[in-house]
Structures are given as C-alpha cells and as structure tokens.
Amino acid sequence: MDVPVTGTESSPYPKAGTWQISTGYRWQKSDRHFVGSEYQEHRDDEASQVINKVHLLDLGVRYNWTQRTNFSLSLPYLIAERSNPIRDADRVVVDRGITHSNSVSDAVLTARRWVLDPDTCKNGNFSLGLGMKFPTGQSGHMDARRSLASGSLVSSLQPVDQSIQPGDGGLGFLVEATGFRRFGTRFVGYASGVYLFNPRETNDTDRGGNNPVTRFLSVGDQYLARVGVAGNWRRVTLSLGGRVEGVPSDDLLGGSSGFRRPGYAISLEPGVTIRAGRSAITAGLPIALYRNRTRSFADKLSGRHGDAAFADYILLLGFARLF
C-alpha cells in the first residue's frame, strides 16, 4: 500500500528532494467459491471449499525528484497457505492438504508526474505513471502436497497452486492514473487506476496433466481501480469509496493460454488515515459486494466454466514517513 505524505499542512504535494519510506500489509482469507457470479454454497455445506490465507508485506521507497515528478520502488514479500480438500473415489471429503509459500514477490519500479503545475493547482490535479514489474519472485515454488492414492494418504513435492505462487515469472509493465479534487476546505474526491500488462503467455511451471493448454501457468494481466471521497478533520482523514480489482480472461498484449482463474471483485472500501507531522498511518477494509469468476481462455475452448475462491473482505494497513 502506497501511503502518500504531504510536505506541508497547506499543500498536497511533497517538497522536491524529499524521500518517503513506506510499509504496507495486506491480509485476506479466500474461501467463497463462485462460478461466474453464482455463489457455490454447497462447497461450504460439504466442507470442500479451498481456503487461501494470504499475508502480503510491502516495503516501498519513493524519491520526490521535483514537486511534480517522483520515482518509487516497491518490493513485496508473500506469506501464504492453501488448504485443499482431499476426496476419496466417491468424491467424499476425507481430509485436507495444506501447502505453503514464503518468499519475495515481484518488484515494481514506477515513475509518476503530475500533469498540471502543482504551484497553481492546489485544489485539483491528476498524475500519470509508467512502471516496470520485474520477475524477482519465484514462479515455480514447491511444497509437499498430500493426496489420496490407492486408499492411502501420500505426500509428494509439487508446485504450489498459482494463487499462492510468489511471482508470475513475467517481465511486465504498468500504466496508472491518479487524480484528486478538493470540495471546500474539508472534502476531497479521488480516483485512481492501474493496469499491469504481462506480455509473456506462460511461465515454466509445469502443473502436469495431458492438456497442453493448461499444463503450464498463465502469466496474466491484472488491474485495480478506486474512486471515492475523503473528509479531513484535523489530523484524521476518513474515506469511503468503491474498488474493483481482478484478472482478465484475455491479455491486452500477448497470448492468454495456460492455466489461470480470471475474475474480479467489486468492493465498498472504507478507510482512515491518521497523520502526525511527516508520518501517516492508514487502514482500509474493502468489503466485497459482487464477485465474478469469468471464463478463462481454456474454459472457452472446452465449453466449461471453472470456479475460484474469493474473500469476503481484505484488511489493508500502511505506514509512511517523509524525510
């Protein structure tokens, strides 16, 4: 989570030549299965749902080259576990298998610039950004996975599921836009969006199986958009907005083959920011209102429609300090 800290009480822009150090934390538990927008309630009833628990830590450094232009580096660290049902020959759940991942994720380097002159645009402006995503995270992380074979539980070393792989194995680039507009002395409207292009079609992680379309993991695009309003009361800012994030079925550049679970979630996002001098603490709680597991490239070829597990909410925490 990138937590901007202003340079002075009267300006939304940091001073030229300053640095910002930030840390972010994201937690989510994904265990609600959807096919399209239809909730698969029977998975809960038979205790066959997949349960993903994800902790994503992020260290960020930003240099404000001028009031108008800044550069930032983000390095995430993923700690995750995935619990899968183990079924017998009659499809009855008899146990569960748990796999883990714990590694550095993919780093992102971004340059941003305010389009309008900050000296004359105190009450509203928008910035454009361009970044590179580097494959610093493992895309073929392995762990012991339990399964049922000939009536007995056995363990074997396999790649963990795509949903908890630390990296995707692709060199990508992103474009982003952010804007704000003040209304009076207390309220601010905000909007932002980012799209990650991953031109590489598949990585080298072999899932096994006989289907050449889904044998290797897809390197998919990603997107996030937010819009809302915030109100300032002394050192406290309260915000309420909407949020949509997801993975598309088809990439805008490059092929879309390989195994992926595309879909998106639309959430209501309340948040709070507390400022003290050059420091800021933020907390956000996006609550899912609508979830949709869309059909992947492989689904469209086969005529099927796979499912995916979504979270009911996400916890976001952040801290930043300007130097």
Protein backbone atom coordinates (compact mmCIF):
# COMPACT_ATOMS: atom_id res chain seq x y z
CA MET A 1 0.00 0.00 0.00
CA ASP A 2 1.45 3.35 -1.03
CA VAL A 3 0.71 5.94 1.67
CA PRO A 4 1.50 9.45 0.44
CA VAL A 5 2.60 12.03 2.99
CA THR A 6 2.27 15.72 2.16
CA GLY A 7 5.16 18.13 2.55
CA THR A 8 3.24 20.79 4.47
CA GLU A 9 -0.17 21.22 6.02
CA SER A 10 -1.27 23.57 3.23
CA SER A 11 -0.03 21.64 0.16
CA PRO A 12 -0.96 18.17 -1.14
CA TYR A 13 2.46 17.90 -2.82
CA PRO A 14 5.71 16.82 -1.12
CA LYS A 15 8.71 19.12 -1.42
CA ALA A 16 11.36 18.47 -4.07
CA GLY A 17 14.33 16.40 -2.93
CA THR A 18 12.47 14.52 -0.19
CA TRP A 19 12.27 10.76 0.36
CA GLN A 20 9.33 8.66 1.56
CA ILE A 21 9.71 5.26 3.20
CA SER A 22 6.55 3.17 3.46
CA THR A 23 5.46 -0.26 4.61
CA GLY A 24 2.19 -1.97 3.74
CA TYR A 25 0.34 -5.09 4.82
CA ARG A 26 -2.50 -6.95 3.11
CA TRP A 27 -4.39 -9.88 4.63
CA GLN A 28 -7.19 -11.90 3.10
CA LYS A 29 -8.87 -15.26 3.51
CA SER A 30 -10.38 -16.53 0.26
CA ASP A 31 -12.86 -19.36 0.76
CA ARG A 32 -16.09 -18.33 -1.02
CA HIS A 33 -16.42 -20.25 -4.30
CA PHE A 34 -18.03 -18.66 -7.34
CA VAL A 35 -18.77 -19.85 -10.87
CA GLY A 36 -19.48 -16.66 -12.74
CA SER A 37 -21.38 -14.58 -10.20
CA GLU A 38 -23.13 -17.62 -8.68
CA TYR A 39 -22.04 -18.49 -5.15
CA GLN A 40 -21.36 -22.22 -4.70
CA GLU A 41 -22.94 -22.65 -1.27
CA HIS A 42 -22.73 -26.45 -1.45
CA ARG A 43 -18.93 -26.22 -1.14
CA ASP A 44 -19.38 -24.85 2.39
CA ASP A 45 -22.04 -27.47 3.23
CA GLU A 46 -19.78 -30.38 2.28
CA ALA A 47 -16.60 -28.69 3.65
CA SER A 48 -14.96 -28.97 0.22
CA GLN A 49 -14.03 -25.32 -0.21
CA VAL A 50 -10.47 -24.28 -0.92
CA ILE A 51 -9.13 -21.92 1.76
CA ASN A 52 -6.36 -19.47 0.91
CA LYS A 53 -4.80 -17.34 3.64
CA VAL A 54 -2.51 -14.61 2.33
CA HIS A 55 -0.22 -12.16 4.13
CA LEU A 56 1.47 -9.70 1.77
CA LEU A 57 4.10 -7.36 3.21
CA ASP A 58 5.41 -4.49 1.12
CA LEU A 59 8.41 -2.18 1.52
CA GLY A 60 8.36 0.96 -0.59
CA VAL A 61 10.81 3.80 -1.25
CA ARG A 62 9.84 6.98 -3.10
CA TYR A 63 12.04 9.87 -4.18
CA ASN A 64 10.34 13.18 -4.94
CA TRP A 65 12.69 14.49 -7.60
CA THR A 66 10.60 17.63 -8.00
CA GLN A 67 7.20 18.66 -6.69
CA ARG A 68 5.85 17.32 -9.96
CA THR A 69 7.85 14.12 -10.59
CA ASN A 70 8.65 11.17 -8.35
CA PHE A 71 10.10 7.65 -8.61
CA SER A 72 9.18 4.69 -6.41
CA LEU A 73 10.35 1.13 -5.83
CA SER A 74 8.09 -1.49 -4.26
CA LEU A 75 9.32 -4.89 -3.01
CA PRO A 76 6.60 -7.23 -1.67
CA TYR A 77 7.02 -10.35 0.46
CA LEU A 78 4.40 -13.11 0.38
CA ILE A 79 3.48 -15.50 3.18
CA ALA A 80 0.59 -17.75 2.18
CA GLU A 81 -1.04 -21.11 2.74
CA ARG A 82 -3.62 -23.05 0.74
CA SER A 83 -5.87 -25.76 2.16
CA ASN A 84 -7.35 -28.20 -0.36
CA PRO A 85 -9.98 -30.90 0.25
CA ILE A 86 -8.83 -34.50 -0.24
CA ARG A 87 -11.59 -36.66 -1.72
CA ASP A 88 -11.96 -40.43 -1.99
CA ALA A 89 -13.12 -42.33 -5.06
CA ASP A 90 -16.74 -41.40 -4.25
CA ARG A 91 -15.86 -37.67 -4.12
CA VAL A 92 -16.35 -37.57 -0.34
CA VAL A 93 -14.00 -35.24 1.54
CA VAL A 94 -11.86 -37.38 3.86
CA ASP A 95 -9.07 -34.98 4.80
CA ARG A 96 -7.34 -31.75 3.79
CA GLY A 97 -3.91 -30.98 2.38
CA ILE A 98 -2.08 -27.74 3.17
CA THR A 99 0.71 -26.16 1.12
CA HIS A 100 2.73 -23.05 1.91
CA SER A 101 4.79 -20.36 0.19
CA ASN A 102 7.11 -17.86 1.81
CA SER A 103 9.24 -15.69 -0.47
CA VAL A 104 9.98 -12.32 -2.03
CA SER A 105 7.41 -11.41 -4.68
CA ASP A 106 7.73 -9.34 -7.88
CA ALA A 107 9.30 -5.87 -7.56
CA VAL A 108 7.84 -2.78 -9.25
CA LEU A 109 9.67 0.40 -10.28
CA THR A 110 7.39 3.34 -11.20
CA ALA A 111 7.81 6.93 -12.41
CA ARG A 112 4.93 9.40 -11.91
CA ARG A 113 4.33 13.00 -12.92
CA TRP A 114 1.59 15.49 -12.08
CA VAL A 115 0.13 16.72 -15.37
CA LEU A 116 -0.81 20.20 -14.11
CA ASP A 117 1.52 22.63 -12.37
CA PRO A 118 1.38 21.97 -8.59
CA ASP A 119 2.13 25.64 -7.83
CA THR A 120 -1.15 26.74 -9.40
CA CYS A 121 -3.29 23.62 -8.87
CA LYS A 122 -3.67 23.21 -5.12
CA ASN A 123 -7.31 22.11 -5.30
CA GLY A 124 -7.15 19.51 -8.05
CA ASN A 125 -4.73 17.65 -10.27
CA PHE A 126 -4.02 14.27 -11.82
CA SER A 127 -0.86 12.28 -12.36
CA LEU A 128 0.20 9.68 -14.89
CA GLY A 129 2.59 6.86 -14.16
CA LEU A 130 4.58 4.25 -16.03
CA GLY A 131 6.28 1.32 -14.33
CA MET A 132 8.10 -1.96 -14.80
CA LYS A 133 7.34 -5.19 -12.96
CA PHE A 134 10.37 -7.46 -12.56
CA PRO A 135 10.12 -11.26 -12.03
CA THR A 136 12.01 -11.26 -8.71
CA GLY A 137 9.55 -13.70 -7.11
CA GLN A 138 9.55 -17.46 -7.56
CA SER A 139 7.00 -18.63 -10.15
CA GLY A 140 7.58 -22.34 -9.51
CA HIS A 141 7.67 -22.54 -5.72
CA MET A 142 7.41 -26.16 -4.50
CA ASP A 143 5.95 -27.70 -1.37
CA ALA A 144 4.88 -31.13 -0.16
CA ARG A 145 1.28 -31.85 -1.11
CA ARG A 146 -0.86 -34.64 0.36
CA SER A 147 -3.19 -36.70 -1.80
CA LEU A 148 -5.05 -39.99 -1.74
CA ALA A 149 -3.53 -42.85 -3.74
CA SER A 150 -4.79 -46.46 -3.58
CA GLY A 151 -6.66 -45.66 -0.39
CA SER A 152 -3.65 -44.21 1.43
CA LEU A 153 -2.53 -40.65 2.04
CA VAL A 154 0.79 -39.88 0.39
CA SER A 155 2.92 -36.74 0.06
CA SER A 156 4.83 -35.54 -2.97
CA LEU A 157 6.77 -32.39 -3.83
CA GLN A 158 4.78 -30.30 -6.32
CA PRO A 159 4.47 -26.68 -7.44
CA VAL A 160 2.06 -24.83 -5.17
CA ASP A 161 -1.16 -23.50 -6.67
CA GLN A 162 -0.96 -20.42 -8.87
CA SER A 163 -2.91 -18.40 -6.29
CA ILE A 164 -0.05 -18.60 -3.75
CA GLN A 165 2.94 -18.51 -6.10
CA PRO A 166 5.17 -15.57 -5.00
CA GLY A 167 5.76 -14.45 -8.62
CA ASP A 168 4.36 -14.98 -12.09
CA GLY A 169 7.63 -15.33 -14.00
CA GLY A 170 6.98 -12.50 -16.43
CA LEU A 171 8.54 -9.12 -17.12
CA GLY A 172 5.63 -6.70 -17.26
CA PHE A 173 4.86 -3.02 -17.42
CA LEU A 174 2.09 -0.95 -15.90
CA VAL A 175 0.29 2.29 -16.61
CA GLU A 176 -1.56 4.22 -13.92
CA ALA A 177 -3.52 7.42 -13.38
CA THR A 178 -4.43 9.17 -10.12
CA GLY A 179 -6.46 12.32 -9.55
CA PHE A 180 -7.98 14.39 -6.77
CA ARG A 181 -10.34 17.35 -6.43
CA ARG A 182 -10.99 19.41 -3.31
CA PHE A 183 -14.51 20.46 -2.40
CA GLY A 184 -14.38 23.29 0.09
CA THR A 185 -11.85 23.07 2.89
CA ARG A 186 -12.75 19.62 4.22
CA PHE A 187 -13.62 17.16 1.44
CA VAL A 188 -11.61 15.63 -1.39
CA GLY A 189 -12.74 13.40 -4.24
CA TYR A 190 -10.23 10.88 -5.50
CA ALA A 191 -9.88 8.33 -8.30
CA SER A 192 -7.09 6.03 -9.40
CA GLY A 193 -6.48 3.15 -11.74
CA VAL A 194 -3.60 0.86 -12.68
CA TYR A 195 -3.30 -1.84 -15.34
CA LEU A 196 -0.46 -4.37 -15.41
CA PHE A 197 0.46 -5.72 -18.84
CA ASN A 198 2.11 -9.16 -18.83
CA PRO A 199 3.07 -9.93 -22.46
CA ARG A 200 4.57 -13.36 -21.64
CA GLU A 201 1.94 -16.05 -22.26
CA THR A 202 3.01 -18.85 -19.89
CA ASN A 203 5.85 -19.45 -17.46
CA ASP A 204 7.88 -22.64 -16.93
CA THR A 205 5.86 -24.04 -14.02
CA ASP A 206 4.57 -27.46 -15.09
CA ARG A 207 1.26 -28.44 -13.44
CA GLY A 208 1.29 -31.85 -15.13
CA GLY A 209 -1.68 -33.41 -16.89
CA ASN A 210 -2.34 -34.11 -20.54
CA ASN A 211 -4.00 -30.84 -21.57
CA PRO A 212 -1.38 -28.73 -23.42
CA VAL A 213 -3.50 -25.58 -22.94
CA THR A 214 -3.46 -25.71 -19.13
CA ARG A 215 -0.28 -27.66 -18.41
CA PHE A 216 1.76 -24.51 -17.72
CA LEU A 217 0.73 -21.48 -15.66
CA SER A 218 -0.57 -18.43 -17.49
CA VAL A 219 1.11 -15.05 -16.92
CA GLY A 220 -1.99 -12.88 -16.77
CA ASP A 221 -2.67 -9.15 -16.77
CA GLN A 222 -4.05 -7.51 -13.60
CA TYR A 223 -5.98 -4.33 -12.85
CA LEU A 224 -7.20 -2.18 -9.96
CA ALA A 225 -9.44 0.91 -9.92
CA ARG A 226 -10.68 3.03 -7.00
CA VAL A 227 -12.96 6.05 -6.66
CA GLY A 228 -14.37 7.79 -3.61
CA VAL A 229 -14.47 10.78 -1.31
CA ALA A 230 -12.46 11.67 1.81
CA GLY A 231 -13.07 14.15 4.61
CA ASN A 232 -10.38 15.78 6.76
CA TRP A 233 -10.80 16.56 10.45
CA ARG A 234 -7.55 17.93 11.86
CA ARG A 235 -5.08 15.02 11.67
CA VAL A 236 -7.67 12.38 10.76
CA THR A 237 -8.97 11.61 7.27
CA LEU A 238 -11.97 9.33 6.77
CA SER A 239 -12.71 7.94 3.32
CA LEU A 240 -15.39 5.89 1.60
CA GLY A 241 -15.17 4.62 -1.93
CA GLY A 242 -15.58 1.83 -4.41
CA ARG A 243 -12.92 -0.61 -5.57
CA VAL A 244 -12.68 -3.14 -8.40
CA GLU A 245 -9.72 -5.45 -8.89
CA GLY A 246 -9.16 -8.56 -10.90
CA VAL A 247 -7.50 -10.63 -13.59
CA PRO A 248 -8.96 -10.51 -17.14
CA SER A 249 -9.69 -13.62 -19.18
CA ASP A 250 -7.65 -12.33 -22.11
CA ASP A 251 -4.50 -10.24 -22.01
CA LEU A 252 -4.32 -6.99 -23.96
CA LEU A 253 -0.83 -7.90 -25.23
CA GLY A 254 0.43 -11.41 -25.90
CA GLY A 255 -1.42 -14.71 -25.72
CA SER A 256 -3.81 -15.87 -23.00
CA SER A 257 -3.14 -19.62 -22.95
CA GLY A 258 -2.08 -21.52 -19.86
CA PHE A 259 -3.88 -22.12 -16.58
CA ARG A 260 -5.47 -19.09 -14.92
CA ARG A 261 -8.52 -18.25 -12.83
CA PRO A 262 -9.76 -14.91 -14.18
CA GLY A 263 -12.35 -12.86 -12.35
CA TYR A 264 -12.96 -9.68 -10.43
CA ALA A 265 -14.42 -8.34 -7.20
CA ILE A 266 -16.27 -5.08 -6.63
CA SER A 267 -15.95 -3.81 -3.06
CA LEU A 268 -17.03 -0.98 -0.78
CA GLU A 269 -13.86 0.49 0.72
CA PRO A 270 -13.97 2.47 3.97
CA GLY A 271 -10.66 3.80 5.26
CA VAL A 272 -8.94 6.02 7.79
CA THR A 273 -5.64 7.93 7.77
CA ILE A 274 -4.02 9.44 10.86
CA ARG A 275 -1.21 11.95 10.33
CA ALA A 276 1.41 13.16 12.75
CA GLY A 277 3.95 15.56 11.31
CA ARG A 278 5.76 13.78 8.49
CA SER A 279 4.25 10.37 9.27
CA ALA A 280 0.94 8.74 8.37
CA ILE A 281 -0.84 5.53 9.33
CA THR A 282 -3.66 4.16 7.18
CA ALA A 283 -6.19 1.36 7.47
CA GLY A 284 -8.66 0.15 4.85
CA LEU A 285 -11.24 -2.63 4.76
CA PRO A 286 -12.59 -3.37 1.26
CA ILE A 287 -15.80 -5.40 1.69
CA ALA A 288 -16.88 -7.47 -1.30
CA LEU A 289 -20.27 -6.59 -2.80
CA TYR A 290 -20.01 -8.56 -6.04
CA ARG A 291 -17.68 -11.32 -7.21
CA ASN A 292 -17.46 -12.95 -10.63
CA ARG A 293 -15.22 -15.79 -11.76
CA THR A 294 -15.17 -15.23 -15.52
CA ARG A 295 -14.38 -17.88 -18.14
CA SER A 296 -10.70 -18.35 -18.96
CA PHE A 297 -9.17 -18.91 -22.38
CA ALA A 298 -9.09 -22.66 -21.62
CA ASP A 299 -12.73 -22.60 -20.42
CA LYS A 300 -13.85 -21.06 -23.69
CA LEU A 301 -12.05 -23.75 -25.69
CA SER A 302 -13.52 -26.60 -23.64
CA GLY A 303 -17.00 -25.14 -23.14
CA ARG A 304 -16.62 -25.39 -19.37
CA HIS A 305 -16.66 -22.73 -16.64
CA GLY A 306 -14.24 -23.17 -13.74
CA ASP A 307 -14.64 -21.76 -10.26
CA ALA A 308 -12.49 -19.64 -7.96
CA ALA A 309 -12.41 -18.74 -4.27
CA PHE A 310 -12.88 -15.09 -3.28
CA ALA A 311 -12.53 -13.24 0.03
CA ASP A 312 -15.40 -11.55 1.88
CA TYR A 313 -13.10 -8.67 2.83
CA ILE A 314 -9.46 -7.54 2.73
CA LEU A 315 -7.52 -5.86 5.52
CA LEU A 316 -5.07 -3.15 4.37
CA LEU A 317 -2.64 -1.40 6.72
CA GLY A 318 0.11 1.06 5.91
CA PHE A 319 2.71 3.36 7.44
CA ALA A 320 4.77 6.06 5.71
CA ARG A 321 7.26 8.70 6.72
CA LEU A 322 8.64 11.60 4.71
CA PHE A 323 12.31 12.58 5.06
